[in-house]
Amino acid sequence: MKKRWLMVMTLLLVAALGAMVYAETVETPQWFFDMIEWRQERIEEALNEGLITEEQAAWQMERLETMEAAHLENGFDGFGGGACQGGGRMRLGGFRNGAGKMGGWFRGEQPSLQTQ
């Protein structure tokens, strides 16, 4: 009985360590390169159809290159604080506590309009 128990525990330990080692790979996933290529194609398509200007296309391509370089340098762990992660874009509660798209009008918090 002790041998069986020891064997089960050893297999569980090997499986757990194997999962950790597998999760720690430093290779850039193929889906990331596919996503970058897809986005570049969409930008070129929008430019050809006249939906965006040359400047907008250049700006978006620059953003893609910056994002790609950042992920290749820093990896893919942690995706920052969003609405459900704590201190997102609008203070320490994500979108729930910020003014939001409507500027707080839906809660009766009308923004002050300053005229000069």
Protein backbone atom coordinates (compact mmCIF):
# COMPACT_ATOMS: atom_id res chain seq x y z
CA MET A 1 0.00 0.00 0.00
CA LYS A 2 2.83 2.38 0.86
CA LYS A 3 4.55 1.69 -2.45
CA ARG A 4 1.37 2.43 -4.38
CA TRP A 5 0.84 5.67 -2.43
CA LEU A 6 4.46 6.69 -3.04
CA MET A 7 4.12 5.92 -6.75
CA VAL A 8 0.92 8.01 -7.06
CA MET A 9 2.52 10.95 -5.24
CA THR A 10 5.62 10.73 -7.44
CA LEU A 11 3.51 10.76 -10.61
CA LEU A 12 1.53 13.75 -9.35
CA LEU A 13 4.73 15.61 -8.57
CA VAL A 14 6.17 14.86 -12.01
CA ALA A 15 2.93 16.00 -13.67
CA ALA A 16 2.84 19.21 -11.64
CA LEU A 17 6.47 20.06 -12.36
CA GLY A 18 6.00 19.18 -16.02
CA ALA A 19 3.06 21.56 -16.26
CA MET A 20 5.11 24.35 -14.69
CA VAL A 21 8.02 23.76 -17.06
CA TYR A 22 5.67 23.67 -20.04
CA ALA A 23 4.05 26.94 -18.94
CA GLU A 24 7.45 28.65 -18.66
CA THR A 25 8.37 28.38 -22.33
CA VAL A 26 9.95 31.48 -23.79
CA GLU A 27 8.89 30.85 -27.37
CA THR A 28 6.63 33.41 -28.96
CA PRO A 29 3.36 31.68 -29.85
CA GLN A 30 2.42 31.40 -33.52
CA TRP A 31 -1.00 32.96 -32.89
CA PHE A 32 0.77 36.22 -32.03
CA PHE A 33 2.51 36.40 -35.41
CA ASP A 34 -0.76 35.45 -37.13
CA MET A 35 -2.55 38.25 -35.26
CA ILE A 36 0.07 40.83 -36.24
CA GLU A 37 -0.13 39.75 -39.89
CA TRP A 38 -3.95 39.83 -39.83
CA ARG A 39 -3.98 43.33 -38.36
CA GLN A 40 -1.49 44.58 -40.95
CA GLU A 41 -3.67 43.17 -43.71
CA ARG A 42 -6.75 44.89 -42.26
CA ILE A 43 -4.90 48.23 -42.09
CA GLU A 44 -3.74 47.91 -45.70
CA GLU A 45 -7.24 46.91 -46.77
CA ALA A 46 -8.78 49.93 -45.00
CA LEU A 47 -6.20 52.20 -46.60
CA ASN A 48 -6.88 50.81 -50.09
CA GLU A 49 -10.63 51.25 -49.61
CA GLY A 50 -10.15 54.83 -48.47
CA LEU A 51 -11.51 54.21 -44.99
CA ILE A 52 -8.38 55.62 -43.35
CA THR A 53 -5.71 58.10 -44.42
CA GLU A 54 -2.02 57.42 -45.03
CA GLU A 55 -1.20 59.08 -41.69
CA GLN A 56 -3.69 56.90 -39.83
CA ALA A 57 -2.31 53.77 -41.48
CA ALA A 58 1.27 54.76 -40.63
CA TRP A 59 0.26 55.47 -37.02
CA GLN A 60 -1.48 52.11 -36.67
CA MET A 61 1.45 50.25 -38.24
CA GLU A 62 3.80 52.02 -35.83
CA ARG A 63 1.60 50.94 -32.91
CA LEU A 64 1.67 47.35 -34.14
CA GLU A 65 5.45 47.40 -34.42
CA THR A 66 5.75 48.85 -30.90
CA MET A 67 3.38 46.22 -29.50
CA GLU A 68 5.22 43.42 -31.28
CA ALA A 69 8.60 44.63 -30.01
CA ALA A 70 7.28 44.97 -26.45
CA HIS A 71 5.85 41.45 -26.43
CA LEU A 72 8.95 39.94 -27.97
CA GLU A 73 11.09 41.66 -25.33
CA ASN A 74 8.86 41.18 -22.28
CA GLY A 75 6.87 38.05 -23.06
CA PHE A 76 3.17 37.49 -22.55
CA ASP A 77 2.65 37.13 -18.81
CA GLY A 78 0.19 39.47 -17.16
CA PHE A 79 -2.19 41.58 -19.18
CA GLY A 80 -2.41 44.56 -16.84
CA GLY A 81 -5.25 45.94 -14.84
CA GLY A 82 -8.52 46.22 -16.65
CA ALA A 83 -12.07 46.63 -15.48
CA CYS A 84 -12.04 43.35 -13.59
CA GLN A 85 -8.42 43.52 -12.49
CA GLY A 86 -8.50 46.37 -10.01
CA GLY A 87 -6.95 49.70 -10.91
CA GLY A 88 -7.99 49.91 -14.53
CA ARG A 89 -8.33 52.95 -16.74
CA MET A 90 -10.69 54.93 -14.54
CA ARG A 91 -9.26 54.82 -11.01
CA LEU A 92 -8.97 51.96 -8.62
CA GLY A 93 -12.16 50.12 -9.50
CA GLY A 94 -11.86 49.80 -13.20
CA PHE A 95 -14.64 51.29 -15.27
CA ARG A 96 -17.18 51.09 -12.47
CA ASN A 97 -15.93 54.20 -10.69
CA GLY A 98 -14.90 56.36 -13.61
CA ALA A 99 -16.86 58.88 -15.59
CA GLY A 100 -17.03 56.56 -18.58
CA LYS A 101 -18.10 57.31 -22.11
CA MET A 102 -21.12 59.34 -21.06
CA GLY A 103 -19.10 61.51 -18.68
CA GLY A 104 -21.15 60.47 -15.66
CA TRP A 105 -24.45 61.76 -17.06
CA PHE A 106 -26.19 58.46 -16.44
CA ARG A 107 -25.48 58.85 -12.69
CA GLY A 108 -26.48 62.48 -12.53
CA GLU A 109 -22.86 63.65 -12.43
CA GLN A 110 -23.07 66.21 -15.17
CA PRO A 111 -19.64 67.58 -16.03
CA SER A 112 -19.17 71.29 -15.59
CA LEU A 113 -19.03 73.21 -18.83
CA GLN A 114 -16.62 76.08 -18.51
CA THR A 115 -17.15 79.02 -20.81
CA GLN A 116 -14.74 81.87 -21.19
